[in-house]
Amino acid sequence: MENIILFSISFIAFITYVLYVTIKYGVLPSISESYYYTNNKLIFALFAWFTAIPLMIVASTPLMFFSGAALGFVGASPAFHKNDRSLEDEVHMVSGILIILFGLLSMIIDFNIVYPTIVVIFLIISFILFNIKNKIYWIEILFFFYIMFIIYMERIIN
């Protein structure tokens, strides 16, 4: 029961924030870009933390912990911005890569979901190679729903 509640918190936080931002501002270059559009900057951090922390607990693997921790850093990275945005951009970029890297590795190593993960990797690469408009946004959406689907099947249903 605890896993269902935590999973639901993570899912609802992500869906609510992304829908709100997409309806209000349209599809942005990335979900993180929404930080610069909103008036209340704390909302972005809360979105990242309420998405990451419950999912880290439900997944209960070291790799998903690191993926979630990286999302937590993305939520906090705007706080590094004072007069120079370069540190924020660096923390954000590295964290974004680690979120996806650790998450996909977890699907393969921890959950033994190999072939579907390879398909997701090829989709991500194709978004990049074919220069899909707002590709980072669509990669983030694909990644989130894939991870949520696997965790739901492995930790909630099982």
N, C-alpha and C. Protein backbone atom coordinates (compact mmCIF):
# COMPACT_ATOMS: atom_id res chain seq x y z
N MET A 1 0.82 -1.20 0.00
CA MET A 1 0.00 0.00 0.00
C MET A 1 0.87 1.27 0.00
N GLU A 2 1.95 1.25 0.78
CA GLU A 2 2.86 2.39 0.83
C GLU A 2 3.44 2.69 -0.55
N ASN A 3 3.81 1.61 -1.30
CA ASN A 3 4.37 1.81 -2.63
C ASN A 3 3.36 2.46 -3.58
N ILE A 4 2.10 2.08 -3.47
CA ILE A 4 1.07 2.66 -4.34
C ILE A 4 0.93 4.16 -4.05
N ILE A 5 0.94 4.52 -2.79
CA ILE A 5 0.82 5.93 -2.42
C ILE A 5 2.02 6.72 -2.92
N LEU A 6 3.22 6.21 -2.68
CA LEU A 6 4.42 6.91 -3.12
C LEU A 6 4.49 7.01 -4.65
N PHE A 7 4.17 5.92 -5.32
CA PHE A 7 4.14 5.92 -6.78
C PHE A 7 3.15 6.97 -7.28
N SER A 8 1.98 7.01 -6.66
CA SER A 8 0.93 7.97 -7.06
C SER A 8 1.39 9.41 -6.85
N ILE A 9 2.06 9.68 -5.75
CA ILE A 9 2.58 11.03 -5.50
C ILE A 9 3.53 11.44 -6.62
N SER A 10 4.45 10.55 -6.97
CA SER A 10 5.42 10.83 -8.02
C SER A 10 4.72 11.06 -9.35
N PHE A 11 3.81 10.18 -9.70
CA PHE A 11 3.10 10.26 -10.97
C PHE A 11 2.26 11.54 -11.05
N ILE A 12 1.51 11.82 -10.01
CA ILE A 12 0.66 13.01 -9.99
C ILE A 12 1.49 14.29 -10.03
N ALA A 13 2.60 14.32 -9.30
CA ALA A 13 3.46 15.51 -9.32
C ALA A 13 3.96 15.79 -10.73
N PHE A 14 4.43 14.74 -11.39
CA PHE A 14 4.95 14.92 -12.75
C PHE A 14 3.86 15.36 -13.72
N ILE A 15 2.77 14.61 -13.74
CA ILE A 15 1.68 14.90 -14.68
C ILE A 15 1.11 16.30 -14.44
N THR A 16 0.85 16.63 -13.20
CA THR A 16 0.26 17.92 -12.87
C THR A 16 1.16 19.07 -13.33
N TYR A 17 2.44 18.99 -13.00
CA TYR A 17 3.36 20.06 -13.36
C TYR A 17 3.51 20.18 -14.87
N VAL A 18 3.74 19.05 -15.53
CA VAL A 18 3.95 19.08 -16.99
C VAL A 18 2.70 19.57 -17.71
N LEU A 19 1.53 19.11 -17.29
CA LEU A 19 0.29 19.59 -17.91
C LEU A 19 0.11 21.08 -17.69
N TYR A 20 0.32 21.53 -16.46
CA TYR A 20 0.18 22.95 -16.14
C TYR A 20 1.10 23.80 -17.03
N VAL A 21 2.36 23.42 -17.09
CA VAL A 21 3.34 24.19 -17.85
C VAL A 21 3.03 24.13 -19.34
N THR A 22 2.66 22.96 -19.83
CA THR A 22 2.38 22.82 -21.27
C THR A 22 1.13 23.60 -21.67
N ILE A 23 0.11 23.55 -20.84
CA ILE A 23 -1.11 24.31 -21.14
C ILE A 23 -0.83 25.81 -21.08
N LYS A 24 -0.08 26.23 -20.09
CA LYS A 24 0.17 27.66 -19.90
C LYS A 24 1.18 28.24 -20.89
N TYR A 25 2.27 27.48 -21.20
CA TYR A 25 3.36 28.03 -22.00
C TYR A 25 3.60 27.28 -23.31
N GLY A 26 2.93 26.16 -23.52
CA GLY A 26 3.18 25.34 -24.70
C GLY A 26 4.32 24.37 -24.44
N VAL A 27 4.68 23.62 -25.47
CA VAL A 27 5.80 22.68 -25.36
C VAL A 27 7.08 23.49 -25.43
N LEU A 28 7.85 23.43 -24.36
CA LEU A 28 9.11 24.19 -24.25
C LEU A 28 10.28 23.32 -24.72
N PRO A 29 11.45 23.90 -24.89
CA PRO A 29 12.60 23.09 -25.30
C PRO A 29 12.90 21.93 -24.33
N SER A 30 12.62 22.13 -23.05
CA SER A 30 12.76 21.06 -22.05
C SER A 30 11.80 21.39 -20.90
N ILE A 31 11.53 20.39 -20.09
CA ILE A 31 10.66 20.63 -18.93
C ILE A 31 11.34 21.62 -17.99
N SER A 32 12.63 21.50 -17.84
CA SER A 32 13.38 22.39 -16.95
C SER A 32 13.32 23.84 -17.38
N GLU A 33 13.16 24.07 -18.65
CA GLU A 33 13.07 25.44 -19.16
C GLU A 33 11.89 26.19 -18.52
N SER A 34 10.92 25.43 -18.07
CA SER A 34 9.73 26.04 -17.46
C SER A 34 10.08 26.86 -16.21
N TYR A 35 11.20 26.54 -15.57
CA TYR A 35 11.62 27.28 -14.39
C TYR A 35 11.68 28.78 -14.70
N TYR A 36 12.15 29.12 -15.88
CA TYR A 36 12.35 30.52 -16.24
C TYR A 36 11.05 31.21 -16.67
N TYR A 37 9.99 30.43 -16.83
CA TYR A 37 8.70 30.99 -17.23
C TYR A 37 7.78 31.25 -16.04
N THR A 38 7.93 30.45 -14.99
CA THR A 38 7.00 30.55 -13.87
C THR A 38 7.39 31.69 -12.93
N ASN A 39 6.40 32.23 -12.27
CA ASN A 39 6.66 33.31 -11.30
C ASN A 39 7.12 32.75 -9.96
N ASN A 40 6.60 31.60 -9.58
CA ASN A 40 6.96 30.98 -8.31
C ASN A 40 8.04 29.94 -8.57
N LYS A 41 9.29 30.28 -8.31
CA LYS A 41 10.43 29.42 -8.62
C LYS A 41 10.48 28.16 -7.76
N LEU A 42 9.87 28.19 -6.59
CA LEU A 42 9.86 27.02 -5.72
C LEU A 42 9.06 25.87 -6.33
N ILE A 43 8.10 26.18 -7.18
CA ILE A 43 7.25 25.14 -7.77
C ILE A 43 8.09 24.14 -8.57
N PHE A 44 9.09 24.63 -9.29
CA PHE A 44 9.94 23.73 -10.08
C PHE A 44 10.71 22.77 -9.18
N ALA A 45 11.28 23.29 -8.11
CA ALA A 45 12.02 22.43 -7.18
C ALA A 45 11.10 21.39 -6.55
N LEU A 46 9.92 21.82 -6.14
CA LEU A 46 8.95 20.88 -5.54
C LEU A 46 8.53 19.81 -6.53
N PHE A 47 8.31 20.22 -7.78
CA PHE A 47 7.98 19.25 -8.83
C PHE A 47 9.07 18.19 -8.94
N ALA A 48 10.32 18.62 -9.02
CA ALA A 48 11.44 17.68 -9.17
C ALA A 48 11.55 16.77 -7.95
N TRP A 49 11.44 17.32 -6.77
CA TRP A 49 11.60 16.52 -5.56
C TRP A 49 10.42 15.59 -5.32
N PHE A 50 9.19 16.07 -5.57
CA PHE A 50 8.02 15.20 -5.38
C PHE A 50 7.92 14.13 -6.46
N THR A 51 8.58 14.34 -7.59
CA THR A 51 8.66 13.29 -8.60
C THR A 51 9.75 12.29 -8.22
N ALA A 52 10.90 12.78 -7.81
CA ALA A 52 12.08 11.92 -7.61
C ALA A 52 12.04 11.11 -6.32
N ILE A 53 11.81 11.75 -5.21
CA ILE A 53 11.98 11.07 -3.91
C ILE A 53 11.04 9.89 -3.72
N PRO A 54 9.74 10.03 -3.97
CA PRO A 54 8.87 8.85 -3.81
C PRO A 54 9.27 7.71 -4.75
N LEU A 55 9.68 8.06 -5.98
CA LEU A 55 10.06 7.03 -6.95
C LEU A 55 11.34 6.32 -6.53
N MET A 56 12.27 7.05 -5.92
CA MET A 56 13.49 6.43 -5.41
C MET A 56 13.16 5.38 -4.35
N ILE A 57 12.20 5.69 -3.51
CA ILE A 57 11.80 4.77 -2.44
C ILE A 57 11.11 3.54 -3.01
N VAL A 58 10.20 3.76 -3.96
CA VAL A 58 9.46 2.64 -4.55
C VAL A 58 10.40 1.73 -5.33
N ALA A 59 11.27 2.30 -6.14
CA ALA A 59 12.17 1.49 -6.97
C ALA A 59 13.15 0.71 -6.12
N SER A 60 13.67 1.33 -5.07
CA SER A 60 14.57 0.67 -4.11
C SER A 60 15.78 -0.01 -4.75
N THR A 61 16.42 0.67 -5.67
CA THR A 61 17.67 0.16 -6.24
C THR A 61 18.70 1.29 -6.18
N PRO A 62 19.97 0.94 -6.07
CA PRO A 62 20.99 1.99 -6.04
C PRO A 62 20.99 2.86 -7.30
N LEU A 63 20.82 2.25 -8.47
CA LEU A 63 20.84 3.04 -9.70
C LEU A 63 19.66 3.99 -9.79
N MET A 64 18.49 3.55 -9.36
CA MET A 64 17.33 4.45 -9.36
C MET A 64 17.47 5.52 -8.29
N PHE A 65 18.16 5.18 -7.20
CA PHE A 65 18.46 6.20 -6.19
C PHE A 65 19.30 7.31 -6.81
N PHE A 66 20.35 6.93 -7.56
CA PHE A 66 21.22 7.93 -8.18
C PHE A 66 20.48 8.71 -9.27
N SER A 67 19.60 8.04 -10.01
CA SER A 67 18.79 8.74 -11.00
C SER A 67 17.89 9.77 -10.33
N GLY A 68 17.24 9.37 -9.25
CA GLY A 68 16.38 10.29 -8.51
C GLY A 68 17.15 11.41 -7.86
N ALA A 69 18.34 11.09 -7.33
CA ALA A 69 19.18 12.12 -6.72
C ALA A 69 19.58 13.16 -7.76
N ALA A 70 19.87 12.71 -8.96
CA ALA A 70 20.22 13.64 -10.03
C ALA A 70 19.04 14.55 -10.37
N LEU A 71 17.82 14.00 -10.34
CA LEU A 71 16.63 14.84 -10.55
C LEU A 71 16.49 15.85 -9.42
N GLY A 72 16.83 15.44 -8.22
CA GLY A 72 16.84 16.38 -7.10
C GLY A 72 17.81 17.52 -7.33
N PHE A 73 18.98 17.22 -7.90
CA PHE A 73 19.94 18.27 -8.23
C PHE A 73 19.40 19.20 -9.32
N VAL A 74 18.68 18.64 -10.29
CA VAL A 74 18.07 19.48 -11.32
C VAL A 74 17.10 20.46 -10.66
N GLY A 75 16.32 19.95 -9.70
CA GLY A 75 15.38 20.82 -8.99
C GLY A 75 16.09 21.91 -8.21
N ALA A 76 17.27 21.61 -7.72
CA ALA A 76 18.01 22.58 -6.92
C ALA A 76 18.96 23.44 -7.75
N SER A 77 19.28 23.02 -8.97
CA SER A 77 20.31 23.72 -9.74
C SER A 77 20.04 25.19 -9.98
N PRO A 78 18.78 25.64 -10.14
CA PRO A 78 18.59 27.09 -10.28
C PRO A 78 19.07 27.89 -9.07
N ALA A 79 19.17 27.25 -7.92
CA ALA A 79 19.66 27.95 -6.73
C ALA A 79 21.15 28.30 -6.86
N PHE A 80 21.85 27.61 -7.78
CA PHE A 80 23.26 27.92 -7.98
C PHE A 80 23.44 29.19 -8.81
N HIS A 81 22.38 29.63 -9.43
CA HIS A 81 22.43 30.81 -10.31
C HIS A 81 22.33 32.08 -9.47
N LYS A 82 23.37 32.83 -9.49
CA LYS A 82 23.34 34.14 -8.84
C LYS A 82 23.59 35.17 -9.94
N ASN A 83 24.82 35.42 -10.25
CA ASN A 83 25.14 36.35 -11.33
C ASN A 83 25.70 35.62 -12.55
N ASP A 84 26.03 34.36 -12.36
CA ASP A 84 26.65 33.59 -13.43
C ASP A 84 25.88 32.29 -13.60
N ARG A 85 25.23 32.12 -14.72
CA ARG A 85 24.39 30.94 -14.94
C ARG A 85 25.21 29.72 -15.36
N SER A 86 26.51 29.86 -15.58
CA SER A 86 27.31 28.75 -16.10
C SER A 86 27.34 27.56 -15.13
N LEU A 87 27.45 27.80 -13.83
CA LEU A 87 27.45 26.70 -12.87
C LEU A 87 26.10 25.99 -12.85
N GLU A 88 25.03 26.77 -12.89
CA GLU A 88 23.69 26.19 -12.95
C GLU A 88 23.55 25.31 -14.19
N ASP A 89 23.98 25.81 -15.34
CA ASP A 89 23.88 25.05 -16.58
C ASP A 89 24.70 23.76 -16.50
N GLU A 90 25.89 23.85 -15.91
CA GLU A 90 26.75 22.68 -15.79
C GLU A 90 26.13 21.62 -14.87
N VAL A 91 25.66 22.04 -13.71
CA VAL A 91 25.00 21.11 -12.77
C VAL A 91 23.78 20.50 -13.43
N HIS A 92 23.02 21.34 -14.09
CA HIS A 92 21.79 20.89 -14.74
C HIS A 92 22.08 19.88 -15.85
N MET A 93 23.04 20.17 -16.72
CA MET A 93 23.35 19.29 -17.85
C MET A 93 23.88 17.94 -17.36
N VAL A 94 24.82 17.96 -16.44
CA VAL A 94 25.38 16.71 -15.91
C VAL A 94 24.29 15.91 -15.21
N SER A 95 23.48 16.58 -14.40
CA SER A 95 22.40 15.89 -13.69
C SER A 95 21.39 15.29 -14.66
N GLY A 96 21.05 16.03 -15.71
CA GLY A 96 20.10 15.53 -16.71
C GLY A 96 20.60 14.27 -17.38
N ILE A 97 21.87 14.24 -17.72
CA ILE A 97 22.46 13.06 -18.34
C ILE A 97 22.45 11.89 -17.35
N LEU A 98 22.80 12.17 -16.08
CA LEU A 98 22.83 11.10 -15.07
C LEU A 98 21.44 10.53 -14.77
N ILE A 99 20.42 11.38 -14.81
CA ILE A 99 19.05 10.89 -14.59
C ILE A 99 18.75 9.78 -15.59
N ILE A 100 18.99 10.08 -16.86
CA ILE A 100 18.65 9.12 -17.91
C ILE A 100 19.61 7.94 -17.89
N LEU A 101 20.89 8.18 -17.74
CA LEU A 101 21.88 7.10 -17.73
C LEU A 101 21.60 6.11 -16.60
N PHE A 102 21.49 6.60 -15.36
CA PHE A 102 21.24 5.70 -14.24
C PHE A 102 19.87 5.03 -14.34
N GLY A 103 18.87 5.76 -14.81
CA GLY A 103 17.54 5.18 -14.96
C GLY A 103 17.52 4.04 -15.96
N LEU A 104 18.14 4.24 -17.12
CA LEU A 104 18.16 3.18 -18.13
C LEU A 104 19.04 2.01 -17.70
N LEU A 105 20.16 2.30 -17.06
CA LEU A 105 20.99 1.21 -16.53
C LEU A 105 20.22 0.40 -15.48
N SER A 106 19.43 1.08 -14.67
CA SER A 106 18.62 0.38 -13.67
C SER A 106 17.62 -0.55 -14.34
N MET A 107 17.02 -0.10 -15.42
CA MET A 107 16.04 -0.95 -16.12
C MET A 107 16.71 -2.23 -16.61
N ILE A 108 17.95 -2.11 -17.09
CA ILE A 108 18.67 -3.27 -17.62
C ILE A 108 19.24 -4.12 -16.49
N ILE A 109 19.94 -3.51 -15.56
CA ILE A 109 20.67 -4.26 -14.52
C ILE A 109 19.76 -4.69 -13.37
N ASP A 110 18.99 -3.77 -12.83
CA ASP A 110 18.17 -4.06 -11.65
C ASP A 110 16.88 -4.80 -11.98
N PHE A 111 16.26 -4.43 -13.10
CA PHE A 111 14.95 -4.99 -13.43
C PHE A 111 15.02 -6.01 -14.57
N ASN A 112 16.19 -6.17 -15.18
CA ASN A 112 16.41 -7.12 -16.26
C ASN A 112 15.44 -6.88 -17.43
N ILE A 113 15.17 -5.63 -17.74
CA ILE A 113 14.31 -5.25 -18.86
C ILE A 113 15.26 -4.74 -19.95
N VAL A 114 15.76 -5.65 -20.78
CA VAL A 114 16.82 -5.31 -21.72
C VAL A 114 16.28 -4.79 -23.05
N TYR A 115 15.52 -5.60 -23.76
CA TYR A 115 15.12 -5.22 -25.12
C TYR A 115 14.24 -3.98 -25.17
N PRO A 116 13.23 -3.84 -24.32
CA PRO A 116 12.47 -2.58 -24.36
C PRO A 116 13.34 -1.36 -24.04
N THR A 117 14.32 -1.55 -23.16
CA THR A 117 15.22 -0.43 -22.83
C THR A 117 16.08 -0.06 -24.03
N ILE A 118 16.52 -1.07 -24.77
CA ILE A 118 17.29 -0.79 -25.99
C ILE A 118 16.43 -0.02 -26.99
N VAL A 119 15.16 -0.38 -27.10
CA VAL A 119 14.25 0.36 -27.99
C VAL A 119 14.15 1.82 -27.55
N VAL A 120 14.02 2.05 -26.25
CA VAL A 120 13.94 3.42 -25.73
C VAL A 120 15.24 4.17 -26.03
N ILE A 121 16.36 3.51 -25.88
CA ILE A 121 17.65 4.14 -26.20
C ILE A 121 17.70 4.54 -27.67
N PHE A 122 17.26 3.65 -28.55
CA PHE A 122 17.23 3.98 -29.98
C PHE A 122 16.27 5.12 -30.28
N LEU A 123 15.14 5.17 -29.58
CA LEU A 123 14.21 6.29 -29.76
C LEU A 123 14.86 7.61 -29.33
N ILE A 124 15.54 7.58 -28.20
CA ILE A 124 16.23 8.78 -27.73
C ILE A 124 17.28 9.24 -28.75
N ILE A 125 18.06 8.29 -29.24
CA ILE A 125 19.08 8.63 -30.25
C ILE A 125 18.43 9.18 -31.51
N SER A 126 17.31 8.58 -31.93
CA SER A 126 16.64 9.06 -33.14
C SER A 126 16.07 10.47 -32.95
N PHE A 127 15.57 10.79 -31.75
CA PHE A 127 15.11 12.16 -31.49
C PHE A 127 16.25 13.15 -31.70
N ILE A 128 17.44 12.75 -31.26
CA ILE A 128 18.61 13.62 -31.38
C ILE A 128 19.08 13.71 -32.83
N LEU A 129 19.21 12.56 -33.49
CA LEU A 129 19.72 12.54 -34.86
C LEU A 129 18.79 13.24 -35.85
N PHE A 130 17.50 13.07 -35.67
CA PHE A 130 16.54 13.67 -36.59
C PHE A 130 16.12 15.07 -36.16
N ASN A 131 16.80 15.57 -35.15
CA ASN A 131 16.60 16.94 -34.68
C ASN A 131 15.12 17.29 -34.50
N ILE A 132 14.43 16.42 -33.76
CA ILE A 132 13.02 16.63 -33.46
C ILE A 132 12.87 17.95 -32.69
N LYS A 133 11.88 18.75 -33.05
CA LYS A 133 11.65 20.02 -32.35
C LYS A 133 11.39 19.74 -30.87
N ASN A 134 12.01 20.50 -30.00
CA ASN A 134 11.90 20.33 -28.54
C ASN A 134 12.27 18.91 -28.11
N LYS A 135 13.33 18.40 -28.72
CA LYS A 135 13.72 16.99 -28.50
C LYS A 135 13.98 16.66 -27.04
N ILE A 136 14.57 17.57 -26.29
CA ILE A 136 14.85 17.29 -24.88
C ILE A 136 13.55 17.08 -24.12
N TYR A 137 12.56 17.92 -24.39
CA TYR A 137 11.23 17.76 -23.77
C TYR A 137 10.67 16.37 -24.07
N TRP A 138 10.70 15.98 -25.33
CA TRP A 138 10.12 14.68 -25.72
C TRP A 138 10.93 13.51 -25.17
N ILE A 139 12.24 13.67 -25.07
CA ILE A 139 13.07 12.63 -24.45
C ILE A 139 12.70 12.50 -22.97
N GLU A 140 12.53 13.62 -22.29
CA GLU A 140 12.14 13.59 -20.88
C GLU A 140 10.78 12.92 -20.68
N ILE A 141 9.83 13.23 -21.55
CA ILE A 141 8.50 12.63 -21.47
C ILE A 141 8.59 11.12 -21.71
N LEU A 142 9.26 10.72 -22.78
CA LEU A 142 9.44 9.29 -23.09
C LEU A 142 10.10 8.57 -21.92
N PHE A 143 11.19 9.14 -21.41
CA PHE A 143 11.93 8.52 -20.31
C PHE A 143 11.04 8.37 -19.08
N PHE A 144 10.33 9.43 -18.70
CA PHE A 144 9.49 9.37 -17.51
C PHE A 144 8.43 8.27 -17.63
N PHE A 145 7.70 8.25 -18.74
CA PHE A 145 6.64 7.26 -18.87
C PHE A 145 7.19 5.84 -18.95
N TYR A 146 8.34 5.67 -19.58
CA TYR A 146 8.95 4.34 -19.64
C TYR A 146 9.35 3.87 -18.24
N ILE A 147 10.04 4.72 -17.50
CA ILE A 147 10.47 4.37 -16.14
C ILE A 147 9.25 4.09 -15.26
N MET A 148 8.25 4.95 -15.35
CA MET A 148 7.04 4.77 -14.52
C MET A 148 6.34 3.46 -14.87
N PHE A 149 6.25 3.14 -16.15
CA PHE A 149 5.61 1.90 -16.57
C PHE A 149 6.34 0.68 -15.99
N ILE A 150 7.66 0.67 -16.11
CA ILE A 150 8.44 -0.47 -15.61
C ILE A 150 8.33 -0.57 -14.09
N ILE A 151 8.47 0.53 -13.40
CA ILE A 151 8.38 0.50 -11.93
C ILE A 151 6.97 0.08 -11.50
N TYR A 152 5.96 0.55 -12.20
CA TYR A 152 4.59 0.13 -11.89
C TYR A 152 4.44 -1.39 -12.06
N MET A 153 4.95 -1.91 -13.16
CA MET A 153 4.83 -3.35 -13.42
C MET A 153 5.66 -4.17 -12.43
N GLU A 154 6.83 -3.68 -12.08
CA GLU A 154 7.75 -4.46 -11.24
C GLU A 154 7.51 -4.27 -9.73
N ARG A 155 7.08 -3.09 -9.30
CA ARG A 155 6.98 -2.81 -7.87
C ARG A 155 5.54 -2.66 -7.36
N ILE A 156 4.63 -2.34 -8.23
CA ILE A 156 3.25 -2.14 -7.78
C ILE A 156 2.42 -3.39 -8.07
N ILE A 157 2.47 -3.86 -9.29
CA ILE A 157 1.67 -5.03 -9.69
C ILE A 157 2.23 -6.31 -9.08
N ASN A 158 3.55 -6.47 -9.13
CA ASN A 158 4.17 -7.72 -8.63
C ASN A 158 4.10 -7.79 -7.13
